[in-house]
Amino acid sequence: RYDNHTVTFTILDDGNGMDAATLDENRRILCGEH
C-alpha cells in the first residue's frame, strides 16, 4: 500500500505459524531491539 509517500508491505500466510516466544523474538529483531 502506498499512502502519503509511505509504502507498507504486508506478507501473510496460512501456514504452520509460530509460537508466541518466536513471534516476540522476530518482532524485536525487526525493530532493532534484539
PDB file of all heavy atoms in Angstrom:
ATOM      1  N   ARG A   1       0.835  -1.195   0.000  1.00  0.00           N
ATOM      2  CA  ARG A   1       0.000   0.000   0.000  1.00  0.00           C
ATOM      3  C   ARG A   1       0.871   1.246   0.000  1.00  0.00           C
ATOM      4  O   ARG A   1       1.862   1.333   0.722  1.00  0.00           O
ATOM      5  CB  ARG A   1      -0.894   0.038   1.241  1.00  0.00           C
ATOM      6  CG  ARG A   1      -1.854  -1.107   1.326  1.00  0.00           C
ATOM      7  CD  ARG A   1      -2.963  -0.950   0.273  1.00  0.00           C
ATOM      8  NE  ARG A   1      -3.757  -2.142   0.172  1.00  0.00           N
ATOM      9  CZ  ARG A   1      -3.670  -3.008  -0.831  1.00  0.00           C
ATOM     10  NH1 ARG A   1      -2.830  -2.808  -1.817  1.00  0.00           N
ATOM     11  NH2 ARG A   1      -4.442  -4.066  -0.858  1.00  0.00           N
ATOM     12  N   TYR A   2       0.445   2.202  -0.823  1.00  0.00           N
ATOM     13  CA  TYR A   2       1.138   3.491  -0.906  1.00  0.00           C
ATOM     14  C   TYR A   2       0.206   4.548  -0.348  1.00  0.00           C
ATOM     15  O   TYR A   2      -0.912   4.709  -0.815  1.00  0.00           O
ATOM     16  CB  TYR A   2       1.486   3.803  -2.367  1.00  0.00           C
ATOM     17  CG  TYR A   2       2.261   5.082  -2.539  1.00  0.00           C
ATOM     18  CD1 TYR A   2       3.643   5.071  -2.440  1.00  0.00           C
ATOM     19  CD2 TYR A   2       1.607   6.284  -2.785  1.00  0.00           C
ATOM     20  CE1 TYR A   2       4.366   6.248  -2.593  1.00  0.00           C
ATOM     21  CE2 TYR A   2       2.330   7.457  -2.938  1.00  0.00           C
ATOM     22  CZ  TYR A   2       3.706   7.432  -2.841  1.00  0.00           C
ATOM     23  OH  TYR A   2       4.428   8.589  -2.990  1.00  0.00           O
ATOM     24  N   ASP A   3       0.685   5.277   0.682  1.00  0.00           N
ATOM     25  CA  ASP A   3      -0.131   6.314   1.291  1.00  0.00           C
ATOM     26  C   ASP A   3       0.774   7.425   1.802  1.00  0.00           C
ATOM     27  O   ASP A   3       1.636   7.181   2.657  1.00  0.00           O
ATOM     28  CB  ASP A   3      -0.953   5.728   2.448  1.00  0.00           C
ATOM     29  CG  ASP A   3      -1.890   6.757   3.064  1.00  0.00           C
ATOM     30  OD1 ASP A   3      -2.462   7.582   2.319  1.00  0.00           O
ATOM     31  OD2 ASP A   3      -2.037   6.737   4.292  1.00  0.00           O
ATOM     32  N   ASN A   4       0.598   8.612   1.262  1.00  0.00           N
ATOM     33  CA  ASN A   4       1.319   9.786   1.731  1.00  0.00           C
ATOM     34  C   ASN A   4       2.841   9.563   1.749  1.00  0.00           C
ATOM     35  O   ASN A   4       3.489   9.749   2.775  1.00  0.00           O
ATOM     36  CB  ASN A   4       0.795  10.209   3.106  1.00  0.00           C
ATOM     37  CG  ASN A   4       1.207  11.619   3.463  1.00  0.00           C
ATOM     38  OD1 ASN A   4       1.448  12.444   2.578  1.00  0.00           O
ATOM     39  ND2 ASN A   4       1.300  11.895   4.744  1.00  0.00           N
ATOM     40  N   HIS A   5       3.387   9.122   0.639  1.00  0.00           N
ATOM     41  CA  HIS A   5       4.823   8.910   0.458  1.00  0.00           C
ATOM     42  C   HIS A   5       5.386   7.797   1.340  1.00  0.00           C
ATOM     43  O   HIS A   5       6.588   7.764   1.606  1.00  0.00           O
ATOM     44  CB  HIS A   5       5.619  10.201   0.662  1.00  0.00           C
ATOM     45  CG  HIS A   5       5.173  11.308  -0.227  1.00  0.00           C
ATOM     46  ND1 HIS A   5       5.392  11.296  -1.592  1.00  0.00           N
ATOM     47  CD2 HIS A   5       4.487  12.449   0.042  1.00  0.00           C
ATOM     48  CE1 HIS A   5       4.878  12.384  -2.123  1.00  0.00           C
ATOM     49  NE2 HIS A   5       4.316  13.098  -1.155  1.00  0.00           N
ATOM     50  N   THR A   6       4.532   6.915   1.816  1.00  0.00           N
ATOM     51  CA  THR A   6       4.968   5.788   2.633  1.00  0.00           C
ATOM     52  C   THR A   6       4.420   4.508   2.019  1.00  0.00           C
ATOM     53  O   THR A   6       3.251   4.444   1.644  1.00  0.00           O
ATOM     54  CB  THR A   6       4.448   5.925   4.082  1.00  0.00           C
ATOM     55  OG1 THR A   6       4.964   7.139   4.631  1.00  0.00           O
ATOM     56  CG2 THR A   6       4.879   4.750   4.935  1.00  0.00           C
ATOM     57  N   VAL A   7       5.271   3.494   1.938  1.00  0.00           N
ATOM     58  CA  VAL A   7       4.844   2.196   1.428  1.00  0.00           C
ATOM     59  C   VAL A   7       4.818   1.214   2.594  1.00  0.00           C
ATOM     60  O   VAL A   7       5.759   1.142   3.387  1.00  0.00           O
ATOM     61  CB  VAL A   7       5.797   1.669   0.339  1.00  0.00           C
ATOM     62  CG1 VAL A   7       5.377   0.284  -0.129  1.00  0.00           C
ATOM     63  CG2 VAL A   7       5.849   2.636  -0.829  1.00  0.00           C
ATOM     64  N   THR A   8       3.736   0.478   2.692  1.00  0.00           N
ATOM     65  CA  THR A   8       3.605  -0.555   3.713  1.00  0.00           C
ATOM     66  C   THR A   8       3.442  -1.897   3.005  1.00  0.00           C
ATOM     67  O   THR A   8       2.520  -2.069   2.206  1.00  0.00           O
ATOM     68  CB  THR A   8       2.381  -0.295   4.622  1.00  0.00           C
ATOM     69  OG1 THR A   8       2.525   0.997   5.207  1.00  0.00           O
ATOM     70  CG2 THR A   8       2.266  -1.354   5.700  1.00  0.00           C
ATOM     71  N   PHE A   9       4.362  -2.812   3.292  1.00  0.00           N
ATOM     72  CA  PHE A   9       4.290  -4.164   2.753  1.00  0.00           C
ATOM     73  C   PHE A   9       3.757  -5.089   3.835  1.00  0.00           C
ATOM     74  O   PHE A   9       4.159  -4.995   4.998  1.00  0.00           O
ATOM     75  CB  PHE A   9       5.680  -4.664   2.330  1.00  0.00           C
ATOM     76  CG  PHE A   9       6.233  -3.959   1.139  1.00  0.00           C
ATOM     77  CD1 PHE A   9       7.126  -2.910   1.289  1.00  0.00           C
ATOM     78  CD2 PHE A   9       5.869  -4.340  -0.142  1.00  0.00           C
ATOM     79  CE1 PHE A   9       7.640  -2.249   0.199  1.00  0.00           C
ATOM     80  CE2 PHE A   9       6.378  -3.687  -1.246  1.00  0.00           C
ATOM     81  CZ  PHE A   9       7.261  -2.639  -1.079  1.00  0.00           C
ATOM     82  N   THR A  10       2.857  -5.969   3.433  1.00  0.00           N
ATOM     83  CA  THR A  10       2.322  -6.964   4.353  1.00  0.00           C
ATOM     84  C   THR A  10       2.427  -8.318   3.664  1.00  0.00           C
ATOM     85  O   THR A  10       1.998  -8.480   2.528  1.00  0.00           O
ATOM     86  CB  THR A  10       0.847  -6.669   4.695  1.00  0.00           C
ATOM     87  OG1 THR A  10       0.745  -5.334   5.191  1.00  0.00           O
ATOM     88  CG2 THR A  10       0.307  -7.650   5.715  1.00  0.00           C
ATOM     89  N   ILE A  11       3.011  -9.271   4.374  1.00  0.00           N
ATOM     90  CA  ILE A  11       3.119 -10.635   3.860  1.00  0.00           C
ATOM     91  C   ILE A  11       2.426 -11.539   4.875  1.00  0.00           C
ATOM     92  O   ILE A  11       2.796 -11.568   6.046  1.00  0.00           O
ATOM     93  CB  ILE A  11       4.584 -11.055   3.668  1.00  0.00           C
ATOM     94  CG1 ILE A  11       5.252 -10.113   2.659  1.00  0.00           C
ATOM     95  CG2 ILE A  11       4.676 -12.501   3.175  1.00  0.00           C
ATOM     96  CD1 ILE A  11       6.655  -9.802   2.947  1.00  0.00           C
ATOM     97  N   LEU A  12       1.402 -12.214   4.417  1.00  0.00           N
ATOM     98  CA  LEU A  12       0.609 -13.101   5.268  1.00  0.00           C
ATOM     99  C   LEU A  12       0.653 -14.504   4.701  1.00  0.00           C
ATOM    100  O   LEU A  12       0.731 -14.683   3.480  1.00  0.00           O
ATOM    101  CB  LEU A  12      -0.849 -12.637   5.309  1.00  0.00           C
ATOM    102  CG  LEU A  12      -1.114 -11.191   5.716  1.00  0.00           C
ATOM    103  CD1 LEU A  12      -2.550 -10.807   5.393  1.00  0.00           C
ATOM    104  CD2 LEU A  12      -0.819 -11.012   7.181  1.00  0.00           C
ATOM    105  N   ASP A  13       0.579 -15.499   5.578  1.00  0.00           N
ATOM    106  CA  ASP A  13       0.415 -16.867   5.097  1.00  0.00           C
ATOM    107  C   ASP A  13      -0.455 -17.633   6.077  1.00  0.00           C
ATOM    108  O   ASP A  13      -0.635 -17.210   7.216  1.00  0.00           O
ATOM    109  CB  ASP A  13       1.774 -17.551   4.882  1.00  0.00           C
ATOM    110  CG  ASP A  13       2.512 -17.851   6.160  1.00  0.00           C
ATOM    111  OD1 ASP A  13       2.078 -18.751   6.903  1.00  0.00           O
ATOM    112  OD2 ASP A  13       3.535 -17.189   6.432  1.00  0.00           O
ATOM    113  N   ASP A  14      -1.002 -18.737   5.609  1.00  0.00           N
ATOM    114  CA  ASP A  14      -1.854 -19.564   6.464  1.00  0.00           C
ATOM    115  C   ASP A  14      -1.161 -20.873   6.816  1.00  0.00           C
ATOM    116  O   ASP A  14      -1.792 -21.905   6.979  1.00  0.00           O
ATOM    117  CB  ASP A  14      -3.211 -19.815   5.801  1.00  0.00           C
ATOM    118  CG  ASP A  14      -3.090 -20.566   4.480  1.00  0.00           C
ATOM    119  OD1 ASP A  14      -1.958 -20.843   4.031  1.00  0.00           O
ATOM    120  OD2 ASP A  14      -4.141 -20.897   3.899  1.00  0.00           O
ATOM    121  N   GLY A  15       0.149 -20.783   6.968  1.00  0.00           N
ATOM    122  CA  GLY A  15       0.952 -21.976   7.235  1.00  0.00           C
ATOM    123  C   GLY A  15       1.024 -22.360   8.694  1.00  0.00           C
ATOM    124  O   GLY A  15       0.109 -22.114   9.479  1.00  0.00           O
ATOM    125  N   ASN A  16       2.163 -22.937   9.067  1.00  0.00           N
ATOM    126  CA  ASN A  16       2.381 -23.503  10.399  1.00  0.00           C
ATOM    127  C   ASN A  16       2.266 -22.504  11.544  1.00  0.00           C
ATOM    128  O   ASN A  16       1.986 -22.882  12.662  1.00  0.00           O
ATOM    129  CB  ASN A  16       3.775 -24.143  10.472  1.00  0.00           C
ATOM    130  CG  ASN A  16       3.822 -25.432   9.715  1.00  0.00           C
ATOM    131  OD1 ASN A  16       2.895 -26.224   9.765  1.00  0.00           O
ATOM    132  ND2 ASN A  16       4.905 -25.666   9.009  1.00  0.00           N
ATOM    133  N   GLY A  17       2.536 -21.244  11.279  1.00  0.00           N
ATOM    134  CA  GLY A  17       2.528 -20.264  12.353  1.00  0.00           C
ATOM    135  C   GLY A  17       3.771 -20.399  13.213  1.00  0.00           C
ATOM    136  O   GLY A  17       4.696 -21.130  12.890  1.00  0.00           O
ATOM    137  N   MET A  18       3.790 -19.670  14.318  1.00  0.00           N
ATOM    138  CA  MET A  18       4.927 -19.760  15.232  1.00  0.00           C
ATOM    139  C   MET A  18       4.434 -19.518  16.645  1.00  0.00           C
ATOM    140  O   MET A  18       3.400 -18.878  16.855  1.00  0.00           O
ATOM    141  CB  MET A  18       6.034 -18.783  14.842  1.00  0.00           C
ATOM    142  CG  MET A  18       5.652 -17.318  14.840  1.00  0.00           C
ATOM    143  SD  MET A  18       6.977 -16.213  14.304  1.00  0.00           S
ATOM    144  CE  MET A  18       6.965 -16.472  12.542  1.00  0.00           C
ATOM    145  N   ASP A  19       5.197 -20.043  17.585  1.00  0.00           N
ATOM    146  CA  ASP A  19       4.796 -19.862  18.979  1.00  0.00           C
ATOM    147  C   ASP A  19       5.021 -18.414  19.401  1.00  0.00           C
ATOM    148  O   ASP A  19       5.719 -17.654  18.734  1.00  0.00           O
ATOM    149  CB  ASP A  19       5.546 -20.834  19.895  1.00  0.00           C
ATOM    150  CG  ASP A  19       7.053 -20.653  19.827  1.00  0.00           C
ATOM    151  OD1 ASP A  19       7.543 -19.568  20.203  1.00  0.00           O
ATOM    152  OD2 ASP A  19       7.737 -21.604  19.402  1.00  0.00           O
ATOM    153  N   ALA A  20       4.450 -18.047  20.525  1.00  0.00           N
ATOM    154  CA  ALA A  20       4.485 -16.659  20.990  1.00  0.00           C
ATOM    155  C   ALA A  20       5.908 -16.171  21.238  1.00  0.00           C
ATOM    156  O   ALA A  20       6.232 -15.023  20.935  1.00  0.00           O
ATOM    157  CB  ALA A  20       3.640 -16.511  22.256  1.00  0.00           C
ATOM    158  N   ALA A  21       6.774 -17.021  21.760  1.00  0.00           N
ATOM    159  CA  ALA A  21       8.153 -16.607  22.055  1.00  0.00           C
ATOM    160  C   ALA A  21       8.912 -16.302  20.766  1.00  0.00           C
ATOM    161  O   ALA A  21       9.638 -15.300  20.685  1.00  0.00           O
ATOM    162  CB  ALA A  21       8.878 -17.688  22.853  1.00  0.00           C
ATOM    163  N   THR A  22       8.744 -17.140  19.749  1.00  0.00           N
ATOM    164  CA  THR A  22       9.413 -16.913  18.465  1.00  0.00           C
ATOM    165  C   THR A  22       8.882 -15.648  17.807  1.00  0.00           C
ATOM    166  O   THR A  22       9.650 -14.851  17.268  1.00  0.00           O
ATOM    167  CB  THR A  22       9.219 -18.123  17.524  1.00  0.00           C
ATOM    168  OG1 THR A  22       9.706 -19.298  18.177  1.00  0.00           O
ATOM    169  CG2 THR A  22       9.934 -17.929  16.201  1.00  0.00           C
ATOM    170  N   LEU A  23       7.579 -15.457  17.851  1.00  0.00           N
ATOM    171  CA  LEU A  23       6.972 -14.252  17.285  1.00  0.00           C
ATOM    172  C   LEU A  23       7.525 -13.003  17.966  1.00  0.00           C
ATOM    173  O   LEU A  23       7.903 -12.037  17.300  1.00  0.00           O
ATOM    174  CB  LEU A  23       5.452 -14.308  17.413  1.00  0.00           C
ATOM    175  CG  LEU A  23       4.675 -13.115  16.881  1.00  0.00           C
ATOM    176  CD1 LEU A  23       4.920 -12.932  15.393  1.00  0.00           C
ATOM    177  CD2 LEU A  23       3.181 -13.296  17.157  1.00  0.00           C
ATOM    178  N   ASP A  24       7.605 -13.026  19.295  1.00  0.00           N
ATOM    179  CA  ASP A  24       8.134 -11.882  20.036  1.00  0.00           C
ATOM    180  C   ASP A  24       9.593 -11.625  19.667  1.00  0.00           C
ATOM    181  O   ASP A  24       9.989 -10.483  19.444  1.00  0.00           O
ATOM    182  CB  ASP A  24       8.005 -12.132  21.540  1.00  0.00           C
ATOM    183  CG  ASP A  24       8.522 -10.957  22.343  1.00  0.00           C
ATOM    184  OD1 ASP A  24       8.001  -9.837  22.159  1.00  0.00           O
ATOM    185  OD2 ASP A  24       9.464 -11.159  23.143  1.00  0.00           O
ATOM    186  N   GLU A  25      10.394 -12.687  19.571  1.00  0.00           N
ATOM    187  CA  GLU A  25      11.806 -12.517  19.199  1.00  0.00           C
ATOM    188  C   GLU A  25      11.934 -11.914  17.802  1.00  0.00           C
ATOM    189  O   GLU A  25      12.721 -10.987  17.578  1.00  0.00           O
ATOM    190  CB  GLU A  25      12.535 -13.859  19.257  1.00  0.00           C
ATOM    191  CG  GLU A  25      13.998 -13.751  18.868  1.00  0.00           C
ATOM    192  CD  GLU A  25      14.704 -15.092  18.846  1.00  0.00           C
ATOM    193  OE1 GLU A  25      14.042 -16.142  18.800  1.00  0.00           O
ATOM    194  OE2 GLU A  25      15.952 -15.076  18.849  1.00  0.00           O
ATOM    195  N   ASN A  26      11.151 -12.417  16.853  1.00  0.00           N
ATOM    196  CA  ASN A  26      11.205 -11.889  15.484  1.00  0.00           C
ATOM    197  C   ASN A  26      10.796 -10.422  15.433  1.00  0.00           C
ATOM    198  O   ASN A  26      11.410  -9.627  14.723  1.00  0.00           O
ATOM    199  CB  ASN A  26      10.322 -12.716  14.552  1.00  0.00           C
ATOM    200  CG  ASN A  26      10.906 -14.073  14.256  1.00  0.00           C
ATOM    201  OD1 ASN A  26      12.089 -14.326  14.475  1.00  0.00           O
ATOM    202  ND2 ASN A  26      10.083 -14.976  13.758  1.00  0.00           N
ATOM    203  N   ARG A  27       9.784 -10.057  16.178  1.00  0.00           N
ATOM    204  CA  ARG A  27       9.360  -8.645  16.215  1.00  0.00           C
ATOM    205  C   ARG A  27      10.465  -7.767  16.792  1.00  0.00           C
ATOM    206  O   ARG A  27      10.713  -6.673  16.295  1.00  0.00           O
ATOM    207  CB  ARG A  27       8.088  -8.496  17.038  1.00  0.00           C
ATOM    208  CG  ARG A  27       6.859  -8.970  16.304  1.00  0.00           C
ATOM    209  CD  ARG A  27       5.612  -8.747  17.118  1.00  0.00           C
ATOM    210  NE  ARG A  27       4.447  -9.107  16.320  1.00  0.00           N
ATOM    211  CZ  ARG A  27       3.309  -9.522  16.831  1.00  0.00           C
ATOM    212  NH1 ARG A  27       3.165  -9.624  18.136  1.00  0.00           N
ATOM    213  NH2 ARG A  27       2.302  -9.829  16.053  1.00  0.00           N
ATOM    214  N   ARG A  28      11.129  -8.240  17.834  1.00  0.00           N
ATOM    215  CA  ARG A  28      12.206  -7.456  18.439  1.00  0.00           C
ATOM    216  C   ARG A  28      13.403  -7.340  17.492  1.00  0.00           C
ATOM    217  O   ARG A  28      14.049  -6.293  17.444  1.00  0.00           O
ATOM    218  CB  ARG A  28      12.613  -8.061  19.784  1.00  0.00           C
ATOM    219  CG  ARG A  28      11.508  -7.865  20.834  1.00  0.00           C
ATOM    220  CD  ARG A  28      11.843  -8.369  22.216  1.00  0.00           C
ATOM    221  NE  ARG A  28      12.435  -9.687  22.192  1.00  0.00           N
ATOM    222  CZ  ARG A  28      13.543 -10.031  22.870  1.00  0.00           C
ATOM    223  NH1 ARG A  28      14.145  -9.178  23.640  1.00  0.00           N
ATOM    224  NH2 ARG A  28      14.018 -11.252  22.789  1.00  0.00           N
ATOM    225  N   ILE A  29      13.674  -8.380  16.713  1.00  0.00           N
ATOM    226  CA  ILE A  29      14.755  -8.309  15.724  1.00  0.00           C
ATOM    227  C   ILE A  29      14.414  -7.252  14.676  1.00  0.00           C
ATOM    228  O   ILE A  29      15.240  -6.408  14.331  1.00  0.00           O
ATOM    229  CB  ILE A  29      15.002  -9.683  15.059  1.00  0.00           C
ATOM    230  CG1 ILE A  29      15.611 -10.654  16.064  1.00  0.00           C
ATOM    231  CG2 ILE A  29      15.904  -9.538  13.836  1.00  0.00           C
ATOM    232  CD1 ILE A  29      15.656 -12.098  15.575  1.00  0.00           C
ATOM    233  N   LEU A  30      13.180  -7.289  14.168  1.00  0.00           N
ATOM    234  CA  LEU A  30      12.761  -6.321  13.148  1.00  0.00           C
ATOM    235  C   LEU A  30      12.791  -4.886  13.650  1.00  0.00           C
ATOM    236  O   LEU A  30      13.058  -3.966  12.884  1.00  0.00           O
ATOM    237  CB  LEU A  30      11.359  -6.662  12.636  1.00  0.00           C
ATOM    238  CG  LEU A  30      11.287  -7.786  11.624  1.00  0.00           C
ATOM    239  CD1 LEU A  30       9.834  -8.173  11.357  1.00  0.00           C
ATOM    240  CD2 LEU A  30      11.971  -7.408  10.331  1.00  0.00           C
ATOM    241  N   CYS A  31      12.528  -4.693  14.912  1.00  0.00           N
ATOM    242  CA  CYS A  31      12.539  -3.338  15.486  1.00  0.00           C
ATOM    243  C   CYS A  31      13.929  -2.900  15.912  1.00  0.00           C
ATOM    244  O   CYS A  31      14.109  -1.776  16.384  1.00  0.00           O
ATOM    245  CB  CYS A  31      11.597  -3.266  16.692  1.00  0.00           C
ATOM    246  SG  CYS A  31       9.872  -3.468  16.261  1.00  0.00           S
ATOM    247  N   GLY A  32      14.913  -3.776  15.769  1.00  0.00           N
ATOM    248  CA  GLY A  32      16.275  -3.439  16.166  1.00  0.00           C
ATOM    249  C   GLY A  32      16.504  -3.500  17.661  1.00  0.00           C
ATOM    250  O   GLY A  32      17.504  -2.990  18.167  1.00  0.00           O
ATOM    251  N   GLU A  33      15.590  -4.130  18.377  1.00  0.00           N
ATOM    252  CA  GLU A  33      15.703  -4.212  19.832  1.00  0.00           C
ATOM    253  C   GLU A  33      16.467  -5.454  20.295  1.00  0.00           C
ATOM    254  O   GLU A  33      16.784  -5.584  21.471  1.00  0.00           O
ATOM    255  CB  GLU A  33      14.308  -4.236  20.466  1.00  0.00           C
ATOM    256  CG  GLU A  33      13.498  -2.996  20.190  1.00  0.00           C
ATOM    257  CD  GLU A  33      12.040  -3.152  20.597  1.00  0.00           C
ATOM    258  OE1 GLU A  33      11.646  -4.226  21.094  1.00  0.00           O
ATOM    259  OE2 GLU A  33      11.283  -2.180  20.403  1.00  0.00           O
ATOM    260  N   HIS A  34      16.707  -6.376  19.381  1.00  0.00           N
ATOM    261  CA  HIS A  34      17.348  -7.642  19.764  1.00  0.00           C
ATOM    262  C   HIS A  34      18.328  -8.062  18.677  1.00  0.00           C
ATOM    263  O   HIS A  34      18.002  -8.046  17.492  1.00  0.00           O
ATOM    264  CB  HIS A  34      16.276  -8.726  19.955  1.00  0.00           C
ATOM    265  CG  HIS A  34      16.823 -10.088  20.206  1.00  0.00           C
ATOM    266  ND1 HIS A  34      17.483 -10.422  21.366  1.00  0.00           N
ATOM    267  CD2 HIS A  34      16.807 -11.202  19.441  1.00  0.00           C
ATOM    268  CE1 HIS A  34      17.851 -11.695  21.304  1.00  0.00           C
ATOM    269  NE2 HIS A  34      17.445 -12.181  20.148  1.00  0.00           N
TER     270      HIS A  34
END
